[in-house]
Amino acid sequence: MLPKGKPGTNRPAWESETTHPELSNKLRKGLCDISDPELGLNVIQLGLIRDVKVDEDGAIVKVLLTTPFCPYGPAMLESIRQKSEEMLERPVSIDLSMDMWDFSMMEEGLGEDWGIF
């Protein structure tokens, strides 16, 4: 386990990490290109990608937005879908989670810059 406070820790486990680990790594790297324009952090750092399920016919990416009425939400969701299809080389559906996001979902160490942790 990585030490507390090191970026890359505190991330949700994806189902695909067990079933398709090589694709999960590729997807995680690709999704780092998509940032929340208001917060300046990417969707992986923010913990917005809650789960990924992959099979031979397609994939489902479970996404959480930082706020329910995020003005950039639709564009971010479409960017996540497109990047996921590019990285996974198969059709991707987005499953929008209605759970509430909070700062504890961010990668360890990132909230310290904001004085949160």
PDB file of N, CA and C in Angstrom:
ATOM      1  N   MET A   1       0.841  -1.179   0.000  1.00  0.00           N
ATOM      2  CA  MET A   1       0.000   0.000   0.000  1.00  0.00           C
ATOM      3  C   MET A   1       0.884   1.238   0.000  1.00  0.00           C
ATOM      4  N   LEU A   2       0.483   2.242  -0.777  1.00  0.00           N
ATOM      5  CA  LEU A   2       1.255   3.480  -0.842  1.00  0.00           C
ATOM      6  C   LEU A   2       1.065   4.284   0.433  1.00  0.00           C
ATOM      7  N   PRO A   3       2.061   5.053   0.821  1.00  0.00           N
ATOM      8  CA  PRO A   3       1.921   5.847   2.033  1.00  0.00           C
ATOM      9  C   PRO A   3       0.846   6.921   1.893  1.00  0.00           C
ATOM     10  N   LYS A   4       0.210   7.242   3.018  1.00  0.00           N
ATOM     11  CA  LYS A   4      -0.833   8.264   3.032  1.00  0.00           C
ATOM     12  C   LYS A   4      -0.259   9.578   2.530  1.00  0.00           C
ATOM     13  N   GLY A   5      -1.063  10.260   1.736  1.00  0.00           N
ATOM     14  CA  GLY A   5      -0.644  11.550   1.227  1.00  0.00           C
ATOM     15  C   GLY A   5       0.001  11.487  -0.153  1.00  0.00           C
ATOM     16  N   LYS A   6       0.227  10.303  -0.680  1.00  0.00           N
ATOM     17  CA  LYS A   6       0.847  10.189  -1.994  1.00  0.00           C
ATOM     18  C   LYS A   6      -0.241  10.154  -3.064  1.00  0.00           C
ATOM     19  N   PRO A   7      -0.176  11.073  -4.061  1.00  0.00           N
ATOM     20  CA  PRO A   7      -1.174  11.038  -5.132  1.00  0.00           C
ATOM     21  C   PRO A   7      -1.240   9.657  -5.777  1.00  0.00           C
ATOM     22  N   GLY A   8      -2.438   9.248  -6.132  1.00  0.00           N
ATOM     23  CA  GLY A   8      -2.650   7.918  -6.710  1.00  0.00           C
ATOM     24  C   GLY A   8      -3.237   6.946  -5.714  1.00  0.00           C
ATOM     25  N   THR A   9      -3.272   7.334  -4.441  1.00  0.00           N
ATOM     26  CA  THR A   9      -3.901   6.487  -3.440  1.00  0.00           C
ATOM     27  C   THR A   9      -5.326   6.989  -3.236  1.00  0.00           C
ATOM     28  N   ASN A  10      -6.115   6.243  -2.513  1.00  0.00           N
ATOM     29  CA  ASN A  10      -7.499   6.593  -2.208  1.00  0.00           C
ATOM     30  C   ASN A  10      -8.384   6.598  -3.452  1.00  0.00           C
ATOM     31  N   ARG A  11      -8.085   5.756  -4.413  1.00  0.00           N
ATOM     32  CA  ARG A  11      -8.943   5.719  -5.586  1.00  0.00           C
ATOM     33  C   ARG A  11      -9.861   4.512  -5.508  1.00  0.00           C
ATOM     34  N   PRO A  12     -11.055   4.639  -6.112  1.00  0.00           N
ATOM     35  CA  PRO A  12     -11.995   3.515  -6.056  1.00  0.00           C
ATOM     36  C   PRO A  12     -11.492   2.336  -6.896  1.00  0.00           C
ATOM     37  N   ALA A  13     -11.791   1.140  -6.442  1.00  0.00           N
ATOM     38  CA  ALA A  13     -11.446  -0.066  -7.197  1.00  0.00           C
ATOM     39  C   ALA A  13     -12.475  -0.252  -8.306  1.00  0.00           C
ATOM     40  N   TRP A  14     -11.994  -0.489  -9.510  1.00  0.00           N
ATOM     41  CA  TRP A  14     -12.867  -0.753 -10.643  1.00  0.00           C
ATOM     42  C   TRP A  14     -12.967  -2.256 -10.858  1.00  0.00           C
ATOM     43  N   GLU A  15     -14.142  -2.719 -11.221  1.00  0.00           N
ATOM     44  CA  GLU A  15     -14.320  -4.138 -11.554  1.00  0.00           C
ATOM     45  C   GLU A  15     -13.349  -4.551 -12.653  1.00  0.00           C
ATOM     46  N   SER A  16     -13.133  -3.664 -13.611  1.00  0.00           N
ATOM     47  CA  SER A  16     -12.258  -3.986 -14.745  1.00  0.00           C
ATOM     48  C   SER A  16     -10.803  -4.187 -14.344  1.00  0.00           C
ATOM     49  N   GLU A  17     -10.398  -3.710 -13.174  1.00  0.00           N
ATOM     50  CA  GLU A  17      -9.026  -3.930 -12.721  1.00  0.00           C
ATOM     51  C   GLU A  17      -8.769  -5.420 -12.490  1.00  0.00           C
ATOM     52  N   THR A  18      -9.818  -6.151 -12.187  1.00  0.00           N
ATOM     53  CA  THR A  18      -9.712  -7.592 -12.004  1.00  0.00           C
ATOM     54  C   THR A  18      -9.902  -8.324 -13.324  1.00  0.00           C
ATOM     55  N   THR A  19     -10.893  -7.902 -14.105  1.00  0.00           N
ATOM     56  CA  THR A  19     -11.228  -8.621 -15.330  1.00  0.00           C
ATOM     57  C   THR A  19     -10.358  -8.238 -16.524  1.00  0.00           C
ATOM     58  N   HIS A  20      -9.949  -6.971 -16.604  1.00  0.00           N
ATOM     59  CA  HIS A  20      -9.160  -6.471 -17.737  1.00  0.00           C
ATOM     60  C   HIS A  20      -8.114  -5.459 -17.237  1.00  0.00           C
ATOM     61  N   PRO A  21      -7.131  -5.912 -16.462  1.00  0.00           N
ATOM     62  CA  PRO A  21      -6.183  -4.976 -15.849  1.00  0.00           C
ATOM     63  C   PRO A  21      -5.410  -4.115 -16.849  1.00  0.00           C
ATOM     64  N   GLU A  22      -5.022  -4.691 -17.982  1.00  0.00           N
ATOM     65  CA  GLU A  22      -4.254  -3.909 -18.963  1.00  0.00           C
ATOM     66  C   GLU A  22      -5.095  -2.781 -19.552  1.00  0.00           C
ATOM     67  N   LEU A  23      -6.378  -3.045 -19.805  1.00  0.00           N
ATOM     68  CA  LEU A  23      -7.269  -2.005 -20.319  1.00  0.00           C
ATOM     69  C   LEU A  23      -7.555  -0.952 -19.248  1.00  0.00           C
ATOM     70  N   SER A  24      -7.661  -1.373 -18.003  1.00  0.00           N
ATOM     71  CA  SER A  24      -7.912  -0.432 -16.911  1.00  0.00           C
ATOM     72  C   SER A  24      -6.774   0.566 -16.776  1.00  0.00           C
ATOM     73  N   ASN A  25      -5.545   0.078 -16.858  1.00  0.00           N
ATOM     74  CA  ASN A  25      -4.390   0.973 -16.774  1.00  0.00           C
ATOM     75  C   ASN A  25      -4.372   1.959 -17.934  1.00  0.00           C
ATOM     76  N   LYS A  26      -4.661   1.465 -19.120  1.00  0.00           N
ATOM     77  CA  LYS A  26      -4.696   2.319 -20.306  1.00  0.00           C
ATOM     78  C   LYS A  26      -5.788   3.381 -20.167  1.00  0.00           C
ATOM     79  N   LEU A  27      -6.964   2.969 -19.691  1.00  0.00           N
ATOM     80  CA  LEU A  27      -8.076   3.895 -19.520  1.00  0.00           C
ATOM     81  C   LEU A  27      -7.758   4.947 -18.466  1.00  0.00           C
ATOM     82  N   ARG A  28      -7.213   4.519 -17.352  1.00  0.00           N
ATOM     83  CA  ARG A  28      -6.873   5.462 -16.275  1.00  0.00           C
ATOM     84  C   ARG A  28      -5.927   6.550 -16.789  1.00  0.00           C
ATOM     85  N   LYS A  29      -4.912   6.149 -17.549  1.00  0.00           N
ATOM     86  CA  LYS A  29      -3.969   7.127 -18.111  1.00  0.00           C
ATOM     87  C   LYS A  29      -4.674   8.063 -19.083  1.00  0.00           C
ATOM     88  N   GLY A  30      -5.531   7.515 -19.929  1.00  0.00           N
ATOM     89  CA  GLY A  30      -6.243   8.338 -20.905  1.00  0.00           C
ATOM     90  C   GLY A  30      -7.190   9.338 -20.262  1.00  0.00           C
ATOM     91  N   LEU A  31      -7.883   8.907 -19.209  1.00  0.00           N
ATOM     92  CA  LEU A  31      -8.843   9.792 -18.554  1.00  0.00           C
ATOM     93  C   LEU A  31      -8.164  10.919 -17.773  1.00  0.00           C
ATOM     94  N   CYS A  32      -6.879  10.804 -17.536  1.00  0.00           N
ATOM     95  CA  CYS A  32      -6.144  11.902 -16.894  1.00  0.00           C
ATOM     96  C   CYS A  32      -6.100  13.143 -17.786  1.00  0.00           C
ATOM     97  N   ASP A  33      -6.436  12.986 -19.065  1.00  0.00           N
ATOM     98  CA  ASP A  33      -6.479  14.127 -19.990  1.00  0.00           C
ATOM     99  C   ASP A  33      -7.733  14.977 -19.803  1.00  0.00           C
ATOM    100  N   ILE A  34      -8.718  14.472 -19.071  1.00  0.00           N
ATOM    101  CA  ILE A  34      -9.996  15.183 -18.929  1.00  0.00           C
ATOM    102  C   ILE A  34     -10.055  15.838 -17.562  1.00  0.00           C
ATOM    103  N   SER A  35     -10.096  17.167 -17.559  1.00  0.00           N
ATOM    104  CA  SER A  35     -10.086  17.920 -16.305  1.00  0.00           C
ATOM    105  C   SER A  35     -11.394  18.646 -16.071  1.00  0.00           C
ATOM    106  N   ASP A  36     -11.686  18.847 -14.804  1.00  0.00           N
ATOM    107  CA  ASP A  36     -12.799  19.708 -14.411  1.00  0.00           C
ATOM    108  C   ASP A  36     -12.287  21.139 -14.594  1.00  0.00           C
ATOM    109  N   PRO A  37     -12.906  21.923 -15.476  1.00  0.00           N
ATOM    110  CA  PRO A  37     -12.379  23.256 -15.761  1.00  0.00           C
ATOM    111  C   PRO A  37     -12.419  24.217 -14.568  1.00  0.00           C
ATOM    112  N   GLU A  38     -13.313  24.008 -13.647  1.00  0.00           N
ATOM    113  CA  GLU A  38     -13.389  24.898 -12.486  1.00  0.00           C
ATOM    114  C   GLU A  38     -12.365  24.539 -11.423  1.00  0.00           C
ATOM    115  N   LEU A  39     -12.122  23.252 -11.223  1.00  0.00           N
ATOM    116  CA  LEU A  39     -11.217  22.824 -10.161  1.00  0.00           C
ATOM    117  C   LEU A  39      -9.782  22.632 -10.639  1.00  0.00           C
ATOM    118  N   GLY A  40      -9.599  22.453 -11.950  1.00  0.00           N
ATOM    119  CA  GLY A  40      -8.262  22.307 -12.492  1.00  0.00           C
ATOM    120  C   GLY A  40      -7.609  20.963 -12.219  1.00  0.00           C
ATOM    121  N   LEU A  41      -8.377  19.987 -11.792  1.00  0.00           N
ATOM    122  CA  LEU A  41      -7.866  18.633 -11.566  1.00  0.00           C
ATOM    123  C   LEU A  41      -8.576  17.685 -12.521  1.00  0.00           C
ATOM    124  N   ASN A  42      -7.899  16.588 -12.856  1.00  0.00           N
ATOM    125  CA  ASN A  42      -8.528  15.666 -13.799  1.00  0.00           C
ATOM    126  C   ASN A  42      -9.522  14.743 -13.096  1.00  0.00           C
ATOM    127  N   VAL A  43     -10.325  14.051 -13.898  1.00  0.00           N
ATOM    128  CA  VAL A  43     -11.408  13.221 -13.357  1.00  0.00           C
ATOM    129  C   VAL A  43     -10.901  12.053 -12.522  1.00  0.00           C
ATOM    130  N   ILE A  44      -9.678  11.612 -12.781  1.00  0.00           N
ATOM    131  CA  ILE A  44      -9.079  10.548 -11.964  1.00  0.00           C
ATOM    132  C   ILE A  44      -8.667  11.117 -10.617  1.00  0.00           C
ATOM    133  N   GLN A  45      -7.979  12.242 -10.598  1.00  0.00           N
ATOM    134  CA  GLN A  45      -7.558  12.877  -9.345  1.00  0.00           C
ATOM    135  C   GLN A  45      -8.752  13.193  -8.449  1.00  0.00           C
ATOM    136  N   LEU A  46      -9.848  13.612  -9.055  1.00  0.00           N
ATOM    137  CA  LEU A  46     -11.042  13.973  -8.288  1.00  0.00           C
ATOM    138  C   LEU A  46     -11.833  12.760  -7.824  1.00  0.00           C
ATOM    139  N   GLY A  47     -11.532  11.580  -8.351  1.00  0.00           N
ATOM    140  CA  GLY A  47     -12.266  10.371  -7.966  1.00  0.00           C
ATOM    141  C   GLY A  47     -13.645  10.304  -8.601  1.00  0.00           C
ATOM    142  N   LEU A  48     -13.817  10.933  -9.754  1.00  0.00           N
ATOM    143  CA  LEU A  48     -15.132  10.970 -10.399  1.00  0.00           C
ATOM    144  C   LEU A  48     -15.467   9.690 -11.150  1.00  0.00           C
ATOM    145  N   ILE A  49     -14.468   8.889 -11.486  1.00  0.00           N
ATOM    146  CA  ILE A  49     -14.717   7.616 -12.163  1.00  0.00           C
ATOM    147  C   ILE A  49     -14.824   6.560 -11.066  1.00  0.00           C
ATOM    148  N   ARG A  50     -16.039   6.180 -10.745  1.00  0.00           N
ATOM    149  CA  ARG A  50     -16.288   5.314  -9.590  1.00  0.00           C
ATOM    150  C   ARG A  50     -16.154   3.834  -9.899  1.00  0.00           C
ATOM    151  N   ASP A  51     -16.427   3.431 -11.150  1.00  0.00           N
ATOM    152  CA  ASP A  51     -16.304   2.021 -11.518  1.00  0.00           C
ATOM    153  C   ASP A  51     -16.244   1.915 -13.031  1.00  0.00           C
ATOM    154  N   VAL A  52     -15.633   0.849 -13.497  1.00  0.00           N
ATOM    155  CA  VAL A  52     -15.583   0.539 -14.925  1.00  0.00           C
ATOM    156  C   VAL A  52     -15.808  -0.959 -15.064  1.00  0.00           C
ATOM    157  N   LYS A  53     -16.751  -1.317 -15.917  1.00  0.00           N
ATOM    158  CA  LYS A  53     -17.033  -2.723 -16.227  1.00  0.00           C
ATOM    159  C   LYS A  53     -16.793  -2.913 -17.718  1.00  0.00           C
ATOM    160  N   VAL A  54     -16.020  -3.927 -18.062  1.00  0.00           N
ATOM    161  CA  VAL A  54     -15.654  -4.175 -19.453  1.00  0.00           C
ATOM    162  C   VAL A  54     -16.003  -5.609 -19.812  1.00  0.00           C
ATOM    163  N   ASP A  55     -16.590  -5.786 -21.001  1.00  0.00           N
ATOM    164  CA  ASP A  55     -16.724  -7.116 -21.575  1.00  0.00           C
ATOM    165  C   ASP A  55     -16.361  -7.004 -23.050  1.00  0.00           C
ATOM    166  N   GLU A  56     -16.479  -8.086 -23.774  1.00  0.00           N
ATOM    167  CA  GLU A  56     -16.041  -8.094 -25.174  1.00  0.00           C
ATOM    168  C   GLU A  56     -16.886  -7.185 -26.059  1.00  0.00           C
ATOM    169  N   ASP A  57     -18.138  -6.931 -25.675  1.00  0.00           N
ATOM    170  CA  ASP A  57     -19.048  -6.132 -26.503  1.00  0.00           C
ATOM    171  C   ASP A  57     -19.041  -4.650 -26.180  1.00  0.00           C
ATOM    172  N   GLY A  58     -18.553  -4.265 -25.012  1.00  0.00           N
ATOM    173  CA  GLY A  58     -18.585  -2.860 -24.640  1.00  0.00           C
ATOM    174  C   GLY A  58     -18.133  -2.645 -23.209  1.00  0.00           C
ATOM    175  N   ALA A  59     -18.397  -1.447 -22.722  1.00  0.00           N
ATOM    176  CA  ALA A  59     -18.001  -1.103 -21.361  1.00  0.00           C
ATOM    177  C   ALA A  59     -19.004  -0.117 -20.774  1.00  0.00           C
ATOM    178  N   ILE A  60     -19.048  -0.097 -19.457  1.00  0.00           N
ATOM    179  CA  ILE A  60     -19.872   0.861 -18.714  1.00  0.00           C
ATOM    180  C   ILE A  60     -18.942   1.582 -17.749  1.00  0.00           C
ATOM    181  N   VAL A  61     -18.961   2.908 -17.827  1.00  0.00           N
ATOM    182  CA  VAL A  61     -18.150   3.734 -16.943  1.00  0.00           C
ATOM    183  C   VAL A  61     -19.106   4.481 -16.011  1.00  0.00           C
ATOM    184  N   LYS A  62     -18.974   4.214 -14.711  1.00  0.00           N
ATOM    185  CA  LYS A  62     -19.810   4.873 -13.709  1.00  0.00           C
ATOM    186  C   LYS A  62     -19.117   6.166 -13.284  1.00  0.00           C
ATOM    187  N   VAL A  63     -19.806   7.282 -13.500  1.00  0.00           N
ATOM    188  CA  VAL A  63     -19.234   8.607 -13.269  1.00  0.00           C
ATOM    189  C   VAL A  63     -20.064   9.365 -12.242  1.00  0.00           C
ATOM    190  N   LEU A  64     -19.370  10.125 -11.438  1.00  0.00           N
ATOM    191  CA  LEU A  64     -19.976  10.994 -10.440  1.00  0.00           C
ATOM    192  C   LEU A  64     -19.524  12.412 -10.755  1.00  0.00           C
ATOM    193  N   LEU A  65     -20.435  13.377 -10.712  1.00  0.00           N
ATOM    194  CA  LEU A  65     -20.062  14.777 -10.919  1.00  0.00           C
ATOM    195  C   LEU A  65     -19.827  15.443  -9.566  1.00  0.00           C
ATOM    196  N   THR A  66     -19.037  16.509  -9.560  1.00  0.00           N
ATOM    197  CA  THR A  66     -18.738  17.194  -8.302  1.00  0.00           C
ATOM    198  C   THR A  66     -19.964  17.875  -7.714  1.00  0.00           C
ATOM    199  N   THR A  67     -20.872  18.317  -8.573  1.00  0.00           N
ATOM    200  CA  THR A  67     -22.138  18.898  -8.110  1.00  0.00           C
ATOM    201  C   THR A  67     -23.248  18.409  -9.038  1.00  0.00           C
ATOM    202  N   PRO A  68     -24.455  18.263  -8.521  1.00  0.00           N
ATOM    203  CA  PRO A  68     -25.552  17.752  -9.358  1.00  0.00           C
ATOM    204  C   PRO A  68     -25.856  18.639 -10.566  1.00  0.00           C
ATOM    205  N   PHE A  69     -25.622  19.936 -10.444  1.00  0.00           N
ATOM    206  CA  PHE A  69     -25.950  20.863 -11.533  1.00  0.00           C
ATOM    207  C   PHE A  69     -24.690  21.455 -12.156  1.00  0.00           C
ATOM    208  N   CYS A  70     -23.639  20.653 -12.224  1.00  0.00           N
ATOM    209  CA  CYS A  70     -22.365  21.088 -12.794  1.00  0.00           C
ATOM    210  C   CYS A  70     -22.597  21.611 -14.211  1.00  0.00           C
ATOM    211  N   PRO A  71     -22.258  22.885 -14.467  1.00  0.00           N
ATOM    212  CA  PRO A  71     -22.497  23.433 -15.802  1.00  0.00           C
ATOM    213  C   PRO A  71     -21.665  22.753 -16.887  1.00  0.00           C
ATOM    214  N   TYR A  72     -20.556  22.134 -16.505  1.00  0.00           N
ATOM    215  CA  TYR A  72     -19.701  21.450 -17.458  1.00  0.00           C
ATOM    216  C   TYR A  72     -20.017  19.955 -17.540  1.00  0.00           C
ATOM    217  N   GLY A  73     -20.989  19.495 -16.751  1.00  0.00           N
ATOM    218  CA  GLY A  73     -21.318  18.081 -16.675  1.00  0.00           C
ATOM    219  C   GLY A  73     -21.546  17.406 -18.008  1.00  0.00           C
ATOM    220  N   PRO A  74     -22.471  17.915 -18.832  1.00  0.00           N
ATOM    221  CA  PRO A  74     -22.729  17.230 -20.106  1.00  0.00           C
ATOM    222  C   PRO A  74     -21.484  17.115 -20.993  1.00  0.00           C
ATOM    223  N   ALA A  75     -20.690  18.179 -21.063  1.00  0.00           N
ATOM    224  CA  ALA A  75     -19.482  18.143 -21.887  1.00  0.00           C
ATOM    225  C   ALA A  75     -18.453  17.164 -21.297  1.00  0.00           C
ATOM    226  N   MET A  76     -18.313  17.156 -19.971  1.00  0.00           N
ATOM    227  CA  MET A  76     -17.366  16.233 -19.338  1.00  0.00           C
ATOM    228  C   MET A  76     -17.793  14.789 -19.558  1.00  0.00           C
ATOM    229  N   LEU A  77     -19.082  14.508 -19.414  1.00  0.00           N
ATOM    230  CA  LEU A  77     -19.577  13.141 -19.617  1.00  0.00           C
ATOM    231  C   LEU A  77     -19.305  12.666 -21.045  1.00  0.00           C
ATOM    232  N   GLU A  78     -19.539  13.545 -22.008  1.00  0.00           N
ATOM    233  CA  GLU A  78     -19.284  13.179 -23.400  1.00  0.00           C
ATOM    234  C   GLU A  78     -17.790  12.984 -23.645  1.00  0.00           C
ATOM    235  N   SER A  79     -16.959  13.828 -23.061  1.00  0.00           N
ATOM    236  CA  SER A  79     -15.502  13.665 -23.193  1.00  0.00           C
ATOM    237  C   SER A  79     -15.039  12.351 -22.576  1.00  0.00           C
ATOM    238  N   ILE A  80     -15.602  12.008 -21.414  1.00  0.00           N
ATOM    239  CA  ILE A  80     -15.262  10.738 -20.756  1.00  0.00           C
ATOM    240  C   ILE A  80     -15.676   9.557 -21.629  1.00  0.00           C
ATOM    241  N   ARG A  81     -16.869   9.635 -22.212  1.00  0.00           N
ATOM    242  CA  ARG A  81     -17.349   8.549 -23.084  1.00  0.00           C
ATOM    243  C   ARG A  81     -16.436   8.397 -24.291  1.00  0.00           C
ATOM    244  N   GLN A  82     -16.130   9.495 -24.955  1.00  0.00           N
ATOM    245  CA  GLN A  82     -15.292   9.438 -26.153  1.00  0.00           C
ATOM    246  C   GLN A  82     -13.889   8.927 -25.841  1.00  0.00           C
ATOM    247  N   LYS A  83     -13.273   9.443 -24.788  1.00  0.00           N
ATOM    248  CA  LYS A  83     -11.912   9.010 -24.416  1.00  0.00           C
ATOM    249  C   LYS A  83     -11.921   7.531 -24.018  1.00  0.00           C
ATOM    250  N   SER A  84     -12.982   7.099 -23.314  1.00  0.00           N
ATOM    251  CA  SER A  84     -13.092   5.694 -22.910  1.00  0.00           C
ATOM    252  C   SER A  84     -13.202   4.786 -24.124  1.00  0.00           C
ATOM    253  N   GLU A  85     -14.000   5.188 -25.112  1.00  0.00           N
ATOM    254  CA  GLU A  85     -14.113   4.386 -26.334  1.00  0.00           C
ATOM    255  C   GLU A  85     -12.773   4.314 -27.068  1.00  0.00           C
ATOM    256  N   GLU A  86     -12.048   5.424 -27.082  1.00  0.00           N
ATOM    257  CA  GLU A  86     -10.735   5.446 -27.720  1.00  0.00           C
ATOM    258  C   GLU A  86      -9.751   4.515 -27.003  1.00  0.00           C
ATOM    259  N   MET A  87      -9.718   4.574 -25.686  1.00  0.00           N
ATOM    260  CA  MET A  87      -8.769   3.776 -24.915  1.00  0.00           C
ATOM    261  C   MET A  87      -9.142   2.297 -24.872  1.00  0.00           C
ATOM    262  N   LEU A  88     -10.441   2.002 -24.772  1.00  0.00           N
ATOM    263  CA  LEU A  88     -10.902   0.615 -24.627  1.00  0.00           C
ATOM    264  C   LEU A  88     -11.187  -0.064 -25.963  1.00  0.00           C
ATOM    265  N   GLU A  89     -11.277   0.736 -27.027  1.00  0.00           N
ATOM    266  CA  GLU A  89     -11.537   0.222 -28.375  1.00  0.00           C
ATOM    267  C   GLU A  89     -12.815  -0.607 -28.447  1.00  0.00           C
ATOM    268  N   ARG A  90     -13.868  -0.060 -27.843  1.00  0.00           N
ATOM    269  CA  ARG A  90     -15.187  -0.694 -27.857  1.00  0.00           C
ATOM    270  C   ARG A  90     -16.221   0.357 -27.451  1.00  0.00           C
ATOM    271  N   PRO A  91     -17.506   0.103 -27.722  1.00  0.00           N
ATOM    272  CA  PRO A  91     -18.544   1.063 -27.325  1.00  0.00           C
ATOM    273  C   PRO A  91     -18.608   1.218 -25.800  1.00  0.00           C
ATOM    274  N   VAL A  92     -18.866   2.430 -25.344  1.00  0.00           N
ATOM    275  CA  VAL A  92     -18.924   2.728 -23.914  1.00  0.00           C
ATOM    276  C   VAL A  92     -20.215   3.461 -23.599  1.00  0.00           C
ATOM    277  N   SER A  93     -20.862   3.026 -22.520  1.00  0.00           N
ATOM    278  CA  SER A  93     -22.021   3.725 -21.974  1.00  0.00           C
ATOM    279  C   SER A  93     -21.597   4.385 -20.670  1.00  0.00           C
ATOM    280  N   ILE A  94     -22.185   5.533 -20.394  1.00  0.00           N
ATOM    281  CA  ILE A  94     -21.922   6.241 -19.142  1.00  0.00           C
ATOM    282  C   ILE A  94     -23.075   5.971 -18.190  1.00  0.00           C
ATOM    283  N   ASP A  95     -22.739   5.567 -16.978  1.00  0.00           N
ATOM    284  CA  ASP A  95     -23.715   5.386 -15.899  1.00  0.00           C
ATOM    285  C   ASP A  95     -23.481   6.535 -14.924  1.00  0.00           C
ATOM    286  N   LEU A  96     -24.372   7.522 -14.942  1.00  0.00           N
ATOM    287  CA  LEU A  96     -24.222   8.695 -14.083  1.00  0.00           C
ATOM    288  C   LEU A  96     -24.732   8.372 -12.686  1.00  0.00           C
ATOM    289  N   SER A  97     -23.821   8.423 -11.724  1.00  0.00           N
ATOM    290  CA  SER A  97     -24.171   8.141 -10.333  1.00  0.00           C
ATOM    291  C   SER A  97     -24.853   9.347  -9.705  1.00  0.00           C
ATOM    292  N   MET A  98     -25.826   9.095  -8.887  1.00  0.00           N
ATOM    293  CA  MET A  98     -26.514  10.165  -8.176  1.00  0.00           C
ATOM    294  C   MET A  98     -25.967  10.340  -6.759  1.00  0.00           C
ATOM    295  N   ASP A  99     -24.896   9.608  -6.426  1.00  0.00           N
ATOM    296  CA  ASP A  99     -24.255   9.780  -5.125  1.00  0.00           C
ATOM    297  C   ASP A  99     -23.688  11.190  -5.029  1.00  0.00           C
ATOM    298  N   MET A 100     -23.477  11.649  -3.816  1.00  0.00           N
ATOM    299  CA  MET A 100     -22.903  12.973  -3.592  1.00  0.00           C
ATOM    300  C   MET A 100     -21.382  12.865  -3.549  1.00  0.00           C
ATOM    301  N   TRP A 101     -20.706  13.708  -4.315  1.00  0.00           N
ATOM    302  CA  TRP A 101     -19.254  13.767  -4.294  1.00  0.00           C
ATOM    303  C   TRP A 101     -18.811  14.614  -3.107  1.00  0.00           C
ATOM    304  N   ASP A 102     -17.681  14.258  -2.514  1.00  0.00           N
ATOM    305  CA  ASP A 102     -17.080  15.130  -1.506  1.00  0.00           C
ATOM    306  C   ASP A 102     -15.563  15.043  -1.623  1.00  0.00           C
ATOM    307  N   PHE A 103     -14.869  15.957  -0.968  1.00  0.00           N
ATOM    308  CA  PHE A 103     -13.421  16.063  -1.100  1.00  0.00           C
ATOM    309  C   PHE A 103     -12.676  14.802  -0.679  1.00  0.00           C
ATOM    310  N   SER A 104     -13.279  13.972   0.150  1.00  0.00           N
ATOM    311  CA  SER A 104     -12.600  12.745   0.585  1.00  0.00           C
ATOM    312  C   SER A 104     -12.438  11.743  -0.556  1.00  0.00           C
ATOM    313  N   MET A 105     -13.135  11.949  -1.667  1.00  0.00           N
ATOM    314  CA  MET A 105     -13.032  11.048  -2.814  1.00  0.00           C
ATOM    315  C   MET A 105     -11.826  11.368  -3.690  1.00  0.00           C
ATOM    316  N   MET A 106     -11.199  12.516  -3.454  1.00  0.00           N
ATOM    317  CA  MET A 106     -10.018  12.909  -4.223  1.00  0.00           C
ATOM    318  C   MET A 106      -8.846  12.011  -3.864  1.00  0.00           C
ATOM    319  N   GLU A 107      -7.867  11.946  -4.757  1.00  0.00           N
ATOM    320  CA  GLU A 107      -6.651  11.222  -4.451  1.00  0.00           C
ATOM    321  C   GLU A 107      -6.005  11.848  -3.223  1.00  0.00           C
ATOM    322  N   GLU A 108      -5.388  11.010  -2.416  1.00  0.00           N
ATOM    323  CA  GLU A 108      -4.698  11.487  -1.216  1.00  0.00           C
ATOM    324  C   GLU A 108      -3.684  12.557  -1.573  1.00  0.00           C
ATOM    325  N   GLY A 109      -3.590  13.560  -0.724  1.00  0.00           N
ATOM    326  CA  GLY A 109      -2.581  14.594  -0.872  1.00  0.00           C
ATOM    327  C   GLY A 109      -3.005  15.792  -1.682  1.00  0.00           C
ATOM    328  N   LEU A 110      -4.059  15.671  -2.484  1.00  0.00           N
ATOM    329  CA  LEU A 110      -4.465  16.794  -3.325  1.00  0.00           C
ATOM    330  C   LEU A 110      -5.242  17.845  -2.556  1.00  0.00           C
ATOM    331  N   GLY A 111      -6.017  17.443  -1.566  1.00  0.00           N
ATOM    332  CA  GLY A 111      -6.797  18.389  -0.782  1.00  0.00           C
ATOM    333  C   GLY A 111      -5.953  19.262   0.118  1.00  0.00           C
ATOM    334  N   GLU A 112      -4.720  18.809   0.392  1.00  0.00           N
ATOM    335  CA  GLU A 112      -3.837  19.582   1.259  1.00  0.00           C
ATOM    336  C   GLU A 112      -3.513  20.935   0.658  1.00  0.00           C
ATOM    337  N   ASP A 113      -3.436  21.003  -0.680  1.00  0.00           N
ATOM    338  CA  ASP A 113      -3.145  22.263  -1.351  1.00  0.00           C
ATOM    339  C   ASP A 113      -4.254  23.290  -1.115  1.00  0.00           C
ATOM    340  N   TRP A 114      -5.454  22.811  -0.841  1.00  0.00           N
ATOM    341  CA  TRP A 114      -6.594  23.687  -0.636  1.00  0.00           C
ATOM    342  C   TRP A 114      -6.861  23.916   0.848  1.00  0.00           C
ATOM    343  N   GLY A 115      -6.057  23.306   1.713  1.00  0.00           N
ATOM    344  CA  GLY A 115      -6.278  23.449   3.153  1.00  0.00           C
ATOM    345  C   GLY A 115      -7.466  22.647   3.647  1.00  0.00           C
ATOM    346  N   ILE A 116      -7.820  21.593   2.924  1.00  0.00           N
ATOM    347  CA  ILE A 116      -8.988  20.790   3.286  1.00  0.00           C
ATOM    348  C   ILE A 116      -8.615  19.698   4.277  1.00  0.00           C
ATOM    349  N   PHE A 117      -7.459  19.070   4.085  1.00  0.00           N
ATOM    350  CA  PHE A 117      -7.059  17.940   4.928  1.00  0.00           C
ATOM    351  C   PHE A 117      -5.838  18.303   5.741  1.00  0.00           C
TER     352      PHE A 117
END
